[in-house]
């Protein structure tokens, strides 16, 4: 199994509540459209630290091919396009687990 973790920091001055809700809805919708996506959790970070990211997602795939399929899926690409105008920084990590 492969876990894909992404942390998102929205642009300074952005409406974090609104954007967190929007992205949570869009990301959770991928569960119905991307067959290789086995599970996904999306959560708004509760930390107020200046270094904190605003939104975190954890997605699970059977293997690297599943993640690769997800990355180019048209519905995922639409989310990435929306992020271009709303996101300051993204951090990601992928790892295998059993």
N, C-alpha and C. Protein backbone atom coordinates (compact mmCIF):
# COMPACT_ATOMS: atom_id res chain seq x y z
N UNK A 1 0.84 -1.18 0.00
CA UNK A 1 0.00 0.00 0.00
C UNK A 1 0.89 1.24 0.00
N UNK A 2 0.37 2.32 -0.56
CA UNK A 2 1.11 3.57 -0.68
C UNK A 2 0.28 4.70 -0.08
N UNK A 3 0.91 5.47 0.79
CA UNK A 3 0.25 6.62 1.41
C UNK A 3 0.82 7.90 0.80
N UNK A 4 -0.08 8.80 0.45
CA UNK A 4 0.25 10.09 -0.16
C UNK A 4 -0.26 11.17 0.78
N UNK A 5 0.65 11.96 1.33
CA UNK A 5 0.28 13.01 2.28
C UNK A 5 0.63 14.36 1.67
N UNK A 6 -0.31 15.29 1.72
CA UNK A 6 -0.11 16.62 1.17
C UNK A 6 -0.54 17.65 2.21
N UNK A 7 0.30 18.66 2.41
CA UNK A 7 -0.04 19.77 3.29
C UNK A 7 -0.10 21.04 2.43
N UNK A 8 -1.15 21.83 2.65
CA UNK A 8 -1.42 23.00 1.82
C UNK A 8 -1.48 24.25 2.69
N UNK A 9 -0.77 25.28 2.26
CA UNK A 9 -0.87 26.60 2.92
C UNK A 9 -1.45 27.57 1.90
N UNK A 10 -2.58 28.17 2.25
CA UNK A 10 -3.23 29.12 1.36
C UNK A 10 -2.49 30.45 1.35
N UNK A 11 -2.74 31.25 0.34
CA UNK A 11 -2.12 32.57 0.21
C UNK A 11 -2.42 33.43 1.43
N UNK A 12 -1.48 34.30 1.77
CA UNK A 12 -1.66 35.23 2.88
C UNK A 12 -2.92 36.06 2.63
N UNK A 13 -3.71 36.23 3.67
CA UNK A 13 -4.94 37.01 3.58
C UNK A 13 -6.13 36.27 3.01
N UNK A 14 -5.93 35.02 2.62
CA UNK A 14 -7.03 34.24 2.05
C UNK A 14 -8.04 33.87 3.13
N UNK A 15 -9.26 33.61 2.71
CA UNK A 15 -10.30 33.13 3.61
C UNK A 15 -10.08 31.62 3.81
N UNK A 16 -9.36 31.29 4.86
CA UNK A 16 -8.95 29.90 5.10
C UNK A 16 -10.17 29.00 5.30
N UNK A 17 -11.16 29.46 6.01
CA UNK A 17 -12.36 28.65 6.25
C UNK A 17 -13.05 28.32 4.93
N UNK A 18 -13.23 29.32 4.09
CA UNK A 18 -13.92 29.11 2.82
C UNK A 18 -13.12 28.18 1.92
N UNK A 19 -11.82 28.44 1.79
CA UNK A 19 -10.99 27.61 0.92
C UNK A 19 -10.85 26.19 1.47
N UNK A 20 -10.74 26.05 2.78
CA UNK A 20 -10.65 24.70 3.37
C UNK A 20 -11.91 23.91 3.04
N UNK A 21 -13.06 24.55 3.18
CA UNK A 21 -14.32 23.87 2.84
C UNK A 21 -14.40 23.50 1.38
N UNK A 22 -14.01 24.43 0.52
CA UNK A 22 -14.05 24.19 -0.92
C UNK A 22 -13.15 23.02 -1.31
N UNK A 23 -11.90 23.06 -0.84
CA UNK A 23 -10.96 22.00 -1.22
C UNK A 23 -11.32 20.67 -0.57
N UNK A 24 -11.83 20.69 0.65
CA UNK A 24 -12.24 19.44 1.30
C UNK A 24 -13.34 18.76 0.48
N UNK A 25 -14.31 19.55 0.04
CA UNK A 25 -15.40 18.99 -0.76
C UNK A 25 -14.88 18.43 -2.08
N UNK A 26 -14.04 19.20 -2.76
CA UNK A 26 -13.51 18.76 -4.05
C UNK A 26 -12.64 17.50 -3.90
N UNK A 27 -11.78 17.50 -2.90
CA UNK A 27 -10.90 16.35 -2.71
C UNK A 27 -11.68 15.10 -2.31
N UNK A 28 -12.63 15.24 -1.41
CA UNK A 28 -13.44 14.08 -1.02
C UNK A 28 -14.25 13.55 -2.19
N UNK A 29 -14.62 14.42 -3.12
CA UNK A 29 -15.35 13.99 -4.31
C UNK A 29 -14.53 13.07 -5.21
N UNK A 30 -13.22 13.12 -5.09
CA UNK A 30 -12.38 12.25 -5.90
C UNK A 30 -12.57 10.78 -5.56
N UNK A 31 -13.03 10.50 -4.35
CA UNK A 31 -13.28 9.10 -3.96
C UNK A 31 -14.29 8.44 -4.88
N UNK A 32 -15.19 9.21 -5.45
CA UNK A 32 -16.23 8.67 -6.33
C UNK A 32 -15.81 8.61 -7.78
N UNK A 33 -14.69 9.24 -8.13
CA UNK A 33 -14.33 9.33 -9.55
C UNK A 33 -12.96 8.76 -9.91
N UNK A 34 -12.12 8.51 -8.92
CA UNK A 34 -10.77 7.98 -9.19
C UNK A 34 -10.71 6.56 -8.62
N UNK A 35 -10.86 5.54 -9.47
CA UNK A 35 -10.91 4.16 -8.98
C UNK A 35 -9.68 3.72 -8.20
N UNK A 36 -8.51 4.26 -8.52
CA UNK A 36 -7.29 3.82 -7.83
C UNK A 36 -7.16 4.40 -6.43
N UNK A 37 -7.98 5.40 -6.10
CA UNK A 37 -7.96 6.03 -4.78
C UNK A 37 -8.77 5.17 -3.81
N UNK A 38 -8.07 4.52 -2.87
CA UNK A 38 -8.72 3.58 -1.95
C UNK A 38 -9.38 4.28 -0.77
N UNK A 39 -8.74 5.32 -0.25
CA UNK A 39 -9.33 6.10 0.83
C UNK A 39 -8.67 7.47 0.87
N UNK A 40 -9.37 8.41 1.50
CA UNK A 40 -8.81 9.74 1.64
C UNK A 40 -9.38 10.40 2.89
N UNK A 41 -8.50 11.07 3.62
CA UNK A 41 -8.91 11.91 4.74
C UNK A 41 -8.43 13.31 4.43
N UNK A 42 -9.28 14.29 4.66
CA UNK A 42 -8.92 15.69 4.48
C UNK A 42 -9.31 16.41 5.76
N UNK A 43 -8.39 17.21 6.30
CA UNK A 43 -8.69 17.92 7.53
C UNK A 43 -8.05 19.29 7.58
N UNK A 44 -8.78 20.22 8.20
CA UNK A 44 -8.26 21.57 8.42
C UNK A 44 -7.39 21.53 9.66
N UNK A 45 -6.18 22.04 9.53
CA UNK A 45 -5.24 22.06 10.64
C UNK A 45 -5.76 22.99 11.74
N UNK A 46 -5.65 22.57 12.98
CA UNK A 46 -6.11 23.38 14.10
C UNK A 46 -4.98 24.17 14.75
N UNK A 47 -3.75 23.98 14.30
CA UNK A 47 -2.61 24.69 14.87
C UNK A 47 -2.59 26.13 14.38
N UNK A 48 -2.28 27.04 15.28
CA UNK A 48 -2.18 28.46 14.94
C UNK A 48 -0.72 28.90 14.78
N UNK A 49 0.21 27.97 14.81
CA UNK A 49 1.63 28.30 14.66
C UNK A 49 1.88 28.95 13.30
N UNK A 50 2.75 29.93 13.23
CA UNK A 50 3.04 30.58 11.95
C UNK A 50 3.57 29.61 10.88
N UNK A 51 4.21 28.55 11.30
CA UNK A 51 4.77 27.59 10.35
C UNK A 51 3.75 26.55 9.88
N UNK A 52 2.55 26.59 10.44
CA UNK A 52 1.55 25.56 10.15
C UNK A 52 0.97 25.70 8.74
N UNK A 53 0.61 24.59 8.18
CA UNK A 53 -0.14 24.55 6.92
C UNK A 53 -1.61 24.56 7.29
N UNK A 54 -2.47 24.91 6.33
CA UNK A 54 -3.89 25.05 6.62
C UNK A 54 -4.70 23.77 6.45
N UNK A 55 -4.37 23.00 5.44
CA UNK A 55 -5.16 21.82 5.10
C UNK A 55 -4.23 20.64 4.85
N UNK A 56 -4.64 19.47 5.29
CA UNK A 56 -3.83 18.26 5.12
C UNK A 56 -4.71 17.16 4.52
N UNK A 57 -4.16 16.45 3.57
CA UNK A 57 -4.87 15.28 3.05
C UNK A 57 -3.96 14.07 3.11
N UNK A 58 -4.58 12.94 3.37
CA UNK A 58 -3.89 11.65 3.36
C UNK A 58 -4.69 10.74 2.44
N UNK A 59 -4.05 10.24 1.41
CA UNK A 59 -4.71 9.36 0.45
C UNK A 59 -3.97 8.03 0.41
N UNK A 60 -4.71 6.96 0.16
CA UNK A 60 -4.13 5.62 0.12
C UNK A 60 -4.40 4.99 -1.25
N UNK A 61 -3.34 4.36 -1.78
CA UNK A 61 -3.39 3.67 -3.07
C UNK A 61 -2.78 2.29 -2.91
N UNK A 62 -3.12 1.38 -3.80
CA UNK A 62 -2.53 0.04 -3.75
C UNK A 62 -1.05 0.07 -4.07
N UNK A 63 -0.65 0.98 -4.99
CA UNK A 63 0.72 0.97 -5.47
C UNK A 63 1.05 2.29 -6.16
N UNK A 64 2.26 2.41 -6.66
CA UNK A 64 2.71 3.62 -7.34
C UNK A 64 1.87 3.90 -8.59
N UNK A 65 1.49 2.85 -9.31
CA UNK A 65 0.68 3.04 -10.51
C UNK A 65 -0.66 3.70 -10.17
N UNK A 66 -1.23 3.34 -9.03
CA UNK A 66 -2.48 3.96 -8.60
C UNK A 66 -2.32 5.44 -8.32
N UNK A 67 -1.23 5.81 -7.66
CA UNK A 67 -0.94 7.22 -7.40
C UNK A 67 -0.69 7.96 -8.71
N UNK A 68 0.03 7.35 -9.62
CA UNK A 68 0.31 7.98 -10.91
C UNK A 68 -0.98 8.24 -11.68
N UNK A 69 -1.91 7.30 -11.63
CA UNK A 69 -3.21 7.46 -12.29
C UNK A 69 -3.99 8.62 -11.67
N UNK A 70 -3.96 8.70 -10.35
CA UNK A 70 -4.63 9.78 -9.61
C UNK A 70 -4.06 11.14 -10.01
N UNK A 71 -2.76 11.23 -10.12
CA UNK A 71 -2.11 12.51 -10.41
C UNK A 71 -2.56 13.12 -11.73
N UNK A 72 -2.86 12.30 -12.72
CA UNK A 72 -3.24 12.81 -14.04
C UNK A 72 -4.74 12.74 -14.31
N UNK A 73 -5.51 12.25 -13.33
CA UNK A 73 -6.96 12.16 -13.52
C UNK A 73 -7.52 13.57 -13.73
N UNK A 74 -8.40 13.76 -14.71
CA UNK A 74 -8.93 15.10 -15.02
C UNK A 74 -9.55 15.82 -13.81
N UNK A 75 -10.23 15.11 -12.94
CA UNK A 75 -10.84 15.76 -11.78
C UNK A 75 -9.79 16.22 -10.78
N UNK A 76 -8.71 15.49 -10.66
CA UNK A 76 -7.62 15.91 -9.79
C UNK A 76 -6.88 17.10 -10.40
N UNK A 77 -6.68 17.07 -11.70
CA UNK A 77 -6.01 18.17 -12.39
C UNK A 77 -6.80 19.47 -12.23
N UNK A 78 -8.12 19.41 -12.23
CA UNK A 78 -8.95 20.60 -12.00
C UNK A 78 -8.66 21.21 -10.63
N UNK A 79 -8.48 20.36 -9.64
CA UNK A 79 -8.16 20.85 -8.29
C UNK A 79 -6.77 21.49 -8.30
N UNK A 80 -5.82 20.87 -8.95
CA UNK A 80 -4.48 21.44 -9.05
C UNK A 80 -4.51 22.81 -9.72
N UNK A 81 -5.34 22.94 -10.76
CA UNK A 81 -5.47 24.22 -11.44
C UNK A 81 -6.03 25.29 -10.51
N UNK A 82 -7.01 24.94 -9.70
CA UNK A 82 -7.59 25.88 -8.73
C UNK A 82 -6.54 26.29 -7.69
N UNK A 83 -5.70 25.36 -7.33
CA UNK A 83 -4.66 25.64 -6.33
C UNK A 83 -3.67 26.70 -6.82
N UNK A 84 -3.47 26.80 -8.12
CA UNK A 84 -2.49 27.75 -8.66
C UNK A 84 -2.78 29.18 -8.23
N UNK A 85 -4.05 29.52 -8.01
CA UNK A 85 -4.40 30.90 -7.67
C UNK A 85 -4.69 31.09 -6.18
N UNK A 86 -4.68 30.02 -5.41
CA UNK A 86 -5.11 30.13 -4.00
C UNK A 86 -4.08 29.62 -3.01
N UNK A 87 -3.06 28.94 -3.47
CA UNK A 87 -2.13 28.25 -2.57
C UNK A 87 -0.74 28.87 -2.64
N UNK A 88 -0.21 29.16 -1.47
CA UNK A 88 1.14 29.71 -1.36
C UNK A 88 2.20 28.61 -1.40
N UNK A 89 1.93 27.51 -0.69
CA UNK A 89 2.96 26.47 -0.55
C UNK A 89 2.30 25.11 -0.36
N UNK A 90 2.96 24.09 -0.90
CA UNK A 90 2.51 22.70 -0.76
C UNK A 90 3.71 21.86 -0.35
N UNK A 91 3.50 20.94 0.57
CA UNK A 91 4.51 19.94 0.92
C UNK A 91 3.87 18.57 0.76
N UNK A 92 4.62 17.62 0.26
CA UNK A 92 4.07 16.28 0.04
C UNK A 92 5.08 15.21 0.42
N UNK A 93 4.54 14.06 0.80
CA UNK A 93 5.36 12.89 1.09
C UNK A 93 4.59 11.65 0.66
N UNK A 94 5.28 10.69 0.09
CA UNK A 94 4.71 9.42 -0.32
C UNK A 94 5.55 8.31 0.26
N UNK A 95 4.88 7.29 0.80
CA UNK A 95 5.64 6.17 1.35
C UNK A 95 4.81 4.90 1.32
N UNK A 96 5.53 3.78 1.26
CA UNK A 96 4.89 2.47 1.28
C UNK A 96 4.70 2.03 2.72
N UNK A 97 3.61 1.32 2.98
CA UNK A 97 3.34 0.75 4.30
C UNK A 97 2.60 -0.56 4.12
N UNK A 98 2.54 -1.32 5.20
CA UNK A 98 1.82 -2.60 5.11
C UNK A 98 0.71 -2.65 6.12
